[in-house]
Amino acid sequence: MTATQGPSAGDGAGTPDTSSTTGTSAPGRDTVAEVVRQWRAVHPDLDTGPMEVIGRINRCAALFQQAEDAPLRRAGLTRPEFDLLGALRRTGHELTPSELARETFSSGAAVTKRLKQLTERGLVERRGDTRDRRVAHVRLTDAGRELVDGILPSQLAYENAVLSGLGDGELGDLAGLLGGLLAQLEGRLGALRA
């Protein structure tokens, strides 16, 4: 990990690679703190503050992705599939694959693949646009709606258990800070794309 690159790509999951000097990390240990300590020893003149934030966000994201989403797994869904179903449920109307890609921060190809699988399972259905044959509209089937509504309470309970080490005030503060960061990043990236 460097101050500008974030976590090492060494393990493919965005996890800092500290194995060469620290061995296997102990459970409950902030591995980013050790990475930062090592960089400060090598380059005491560099500001590692951004690394302490971005490295921890990346590490948390990697750990969340590695953790099994038990309610989703029991339903035979992956998190990205659930995100597609959830986007259709929470918006309450049909969406095009392009709109689903934007809603779920996914590539068009990934959405197409997931929609094919969800269609085969009878959870979503597609209909062609009457004016433009290239456009498809996707909606939940009754089975898809029932599945989302049935899983959501247990999935939220699971996520609450994952975050149970934080108090209500800490969760609110963290959500606010991350929301502010996300808004800034989306604004900057949007301006760069324009």
Protein backbone atom coordinates (compact mmCIF):
# COMPACT_ATOMS: atom_id res chain seq x y z
CA MET A 1 0.00 0.00 0.00
CA THR A 2 1.24 3.47 -0.80
CA ALA A 3 -0.11 6.84 0.22
CA THR A 4 -1.63 7.30 -3.22
CA GLN A 5 -2.48 3.77 -4.27
CA GLY A 6 -4.41 2.42 -1.29
CA PRO A 7 -4.18 -1.28 -0.45
CA SER A 8 -1.87 -3.56 -2.34
CA ALA A 9 -3.37 -5.52 -5.19
CA GLY A 10 -1.27 -8.46 -4.05
CA ASP A 11 -4.19 -10.58 -2.86
CA GLY A 12 -6.75 -9.34 -5.37
CA ALA A 13 -9.18 -8.25 -2.67
CA GLY A 14 -7.76 -4.83 -1.85
CA THR A 15 -6.26 -6.21 1.34
CA PRO A 16 -2.96 -4.72 2.52
CA ASP A 17 -0.13 -7.20 2.11
CA THR A 18 1.74 -7.22 5.41
CA SER A 19 2.69 -10.90 5.34
CA SER A 20 6.35 -10.29 4.55
CA THR A 21 7.04 -8.50 7.82
CA THR A 22 4.20 -9.19 10.20
CA GLY A 23 2.98 -12.69 9.45
CA THR A 24 -0.68 -13.55 9.66
CA SER A 25 -2.77 -10.79 11.15
CA ALA A 26 -4.52 -11.53 14.41
CA PRO A 27 -8.31 -11.43 14.54
CA GLY A 28 -9.69 -8.05 15.57
CA ARG A 29 -6.48 -6.25 14.64
CA ASP A 30 -6.31 -3.05 12.58
CA THR A 31 -3.91 -4.24 9.87
CA VAL A 32 -3.88 -0.81 8.23
CA ALA A 33 -2.29 0.67 11.37
CA GLU A 34 0.69 -1.66 10.89
CA VAL A 35 0.95 -0.79 7.19
CA VAL A 36 0.91 2.93 8.05
CA ARG A 37 3.53 2.41 10.78
CA GLN A 38 5.79 0.65 8.25
CA TRP A 39 5.40 3.42 5.67
CA ARG A 40 6.13 6.08 8.28
CA ALA A 41 9.36 4.26 9.13
CA VAL A 42 10.36 4.15 5.45
CA HIS A 43 9.11 7.64 4.51
CA PRO A 44 8.66 9.75 7.66
CA ASP A 45 8.29 12.85 5.47
CA LEU A 46 5.07 11.65 3.79
CA ASP A 47 1.57 12.38 5.09
CA THR A 48 -0.08 8.97 5.53
CA GLY A 49 -3.42 10.47 6.64
CA PRO A 50 -5.24 9.61 3.39
CA MET A 51 -3.94 6.04 3.60
CA GLU A 52 -5.38 5.69 7.10
CA VAL A 53 -8.85 6.54 5.76
CA ILE A 54 -8.84 4.98 2.28
CA GLY A 55 -6.91 1.91 3.42
CA ARG A 56 -9.44 1.24 6.18
CA ILE A 57 -12.42 1.79 3.87
CA ASN A 58 -10.91 -0.64 1.34
CA ARG A 59 -10.08 -3.18 4.04
CA CYS A 60 -13.60 -3.00 5.49
CA ALA A 61 -15.10 -3.39 2.01
CA ALA A 62 -12.92 -6.43 1.34
CA LEU A 63 -13.92 -8.03 4.65
CA PHE A 64 -17.62 -7.34 4.05
CA GLN A 65 -17.32 -8.96 0.63
CA GLN A 66 -15.54 -11.99 2.05
CA ALA A 67 -18.17 -12.48 4.74
CA GLU A 68 -21.02 -14.73 3.74
CA ASP A 69 -24.33 -12.91 3.45
CA ALA A 70 -26.15 -15.79 5.13
CA PRO A 71 -29.76 -14.82 4.32
CA LEU A 72 -28.88 -14.18 0.68
CA ARG A 73 -26.90 -17.39 0.42
CA ARG A 74 -29.80 -19.39 1.86
CA ALA A 75 -32.04 -17.89 -0.83
CA GLY A 76 -29.51 -18.81 -3.52
CA LEU A 77 -28.69 -15.18 -4.31
CA THR A 78 -25.46 -13.28 -4.56
CA ARG A 79 -25.19 -9.74 -3.24
CA PRO A 80 -25.11 -8.26 -6.79
CA GLU A 81 -28.25 -10.22 -7.74
CA PHE A 82 -30.01 -9.00 -4.62
CA ASP A 83 -28.94 -5.44 -5.42
CA LEU A 84 -30.66 -5.72 -8.83
CA LEU A 85 -33.83 -7.13 -7.31
CA GLY A 86 -33.70 -4.50 -4.57
CA ALA A 87 -33.35 -1.67 -7.09
CA LEU A 88 -36.49 -2.86 -8.88
CA ARG A 89 -38.37 -3.20 -5.59
CA ARG A 90 -37.39 0.11 -4.01
CA THR A 91 -37.95 2.21 -7.14
CA GLY A 92 -41.35 0.57 -7.61
CA HIS A 93 -41.33 0.58 -11.40
CA GLU A 94 -39.72 -0.97 -14.44
CA LEU A 95 -36.11 -0.09 -15.19
CA THR A 96 -33.99 -0.54 -18.27
CA PRO A 97 -30.73 -2.50 -17.98
CA SER A 98 -28.83 0.81 -18.30
CA GLU A 99 -30.81 2.28 -15.41
CA LEU A 100 -30.15 -0.85 -13.36
CA ALA A 101 -26.43 -0.53 -14.07
CA ARG A 102 -26.49 3.05 -12.72
CA GLU A 103 -28.62 2.09 -9.70
CA THR A 104 -26.31 -0.77 -8.74
CA PHE A 105 -22.94 0.71 -9.78
CA SER A 106 -22.42 -2.26 -12.12
CA SER A 107 -21.22 -2.63 -15.68
CA GLY A 108 -23.75 -3.22 -18.44
CA ALA A 109 -22.28 -6.65 -19.14
CA ALA A 110 -22.60 -7.69 -15.49
CA VAL A 111 -26.22 -6.53 -15.37
CA THR A 112 -27.03 -8.44 -18.57
CA LYS A 113 -25.54 -11.65 -17.13
CA ARG A 114 -27.39 -11.27 -13.80
CA LEU A 115 -30.68 -10.45 -15.50
CA LYS A 116 -30.40 -13.61 -17.59
CA GLN A 117 -29.95 -15.70 -14.45
CA LEU A 118 -32.76 -13.94 -12.58
CA THR A 119 -35.09 -14.29 -15.58
CA GLU A 120 -34.36 -18.03 -15.76
CA ARG A 121 -35.29 -18.29 -12.06
CA GLY A 122 -38.57 -16.48 -12.70
CA LEU A 123 -37.69 -13.52 -10.47
CA VAL A 124 -37.69 -10.82 -13.15
CA GLU A 125 -39.22 -10.46 -16.57
CA ARG A 126 -38.27 -8.35 -19.54
CA ARG A 127 -40.46 -6.73 -22.13
CA GLY A 128 -39.43 -4.91 -25.26
CA ASP A 129 -40.08 -1.23 -25.76
CA THR A 130 -42.93 -0.60 -28.20
CA ARG A 131 -41.05 2.28 -29.86
CA ASP A 132 -37.45 1.04 -29.77
CA ARG A 133 -36.72 -2.67 -30.11
CA ARG A 134 -33.21 -2.18 -28.73
CA VAL A 135 -34.58 -1.15 -25.34
CA ALA A 136 -35.83 -3.62 -22.76
CA HIS A 137 -37.81 -2.88 -19.61
CA VAL A 138 -37.28 -5.09 -16.57
CA ARG A 139 -39.69 -5.63 -13.71
CA LEU A 140 -40.03 -7.95 -10.76
CA THR A 141 -42.33 -10.90 -11.00
CA ASP A 142 -44.61 -11.68 -8.05
CA ALA A 143 -42.08 -14.34 -7.02
CA GLY A 144 -39.26 -11.78 -7.18
CA ARG A 145 -41.19 -9.27 -5.07
CA GLU A 146 -42.03 -11.92 -2.47
CA LEU A 147 -38.41 -13.05 -2.33
CA VAL A 148 -37.07 -9.52 -1.77
CA ASP A 149 -39.71 -8.70 0.84
CA GLY A 150 -39.05 -12.01 2.61
CA ILE A 151 -35.25 -11.66 2.69
CA LEU A 152 -34.91 -7.97 3.51
CA PRO A 153 -35.73 -8.15 7.26
CA SER A 154 -33.31 -11.03 7.88
CA GLN A 155 -30.62 -9.43 5.71
CA LEU A 156 -30.90 -6.17 7.67
CA ALA A 157 -30.71 -8.14 10.94
CA TYR A 158 -27.57 -9.88 9.64
CA GLU A 159 -25.99 -6.54 8.68
CA ASN A 160 -26.94 -5.10 12.07
CA ALA A 161 -25.14 -8.01 13.75
CA VAL A 162 -22.04 -7.37 11.61
CA LEU A 163 -21.99 -3.75 12.82
CA SER A 164 -23.02 -4.53 16.41
CA GLY A 165 -19.67 -3.42 17.84
CA LEU A 166 -20.60 0.20 17.13
CA GLY A 167 -23.05 2.18 19.23
CA ASP A 168 -26.02 4.03 17.71
CA GLY A 169 -24.19 7.36 17.88
CA GLU A 170 -21.09 5.89 16.26
CA LEU A 171 -23.15 4.31 13.49
CA GLY A 172 -24.89 7.62 12.82
CA ASP A 173 -21.60 9.51 12.79
CA LEU A 174 -19.98 6.94 10.51
CA ALA A 175 -22.96 6.93 8.13
CA GLY A 176 -22.86 10.73 7.98
CA LEU A 177 -19.12 10.86 7.33
CA LEU A 178 -19.28 8.18 4.65
CA GLY A 179 -22.30 9.87 3.07
CA GLY A 180 -20.40 13.15 2.84
CA LEU A 181 -17.35 11.43 1.38
CA LEU A 182 -19.48 9.56 -1.15
CA ALA A 183 -21.23 12.75 -2.27
CA GLN A 184 -17.87 14.48 -2.76
CA LEU A 185 -16.42 11.58 -4.72
CA GLU A 186 -19.48 11.18 -6.92
CA GLY A 187 -19.45 14.92 -7.63
CA ARG A 188 -15.77 14.92 -8.55
CA LEU A 189 -16.00 11.79 -10.68
CA GLY A 190 -19.11 13.10 -12.40
CA ALA A 191 -17.30 16.34 -13.25
CA LEU A 192 -14.32 14.39 -14.62
CA ARG A 193 -16.60 12.29 -16.86
CA ALA A 194 -18.43 15.34 -18.26
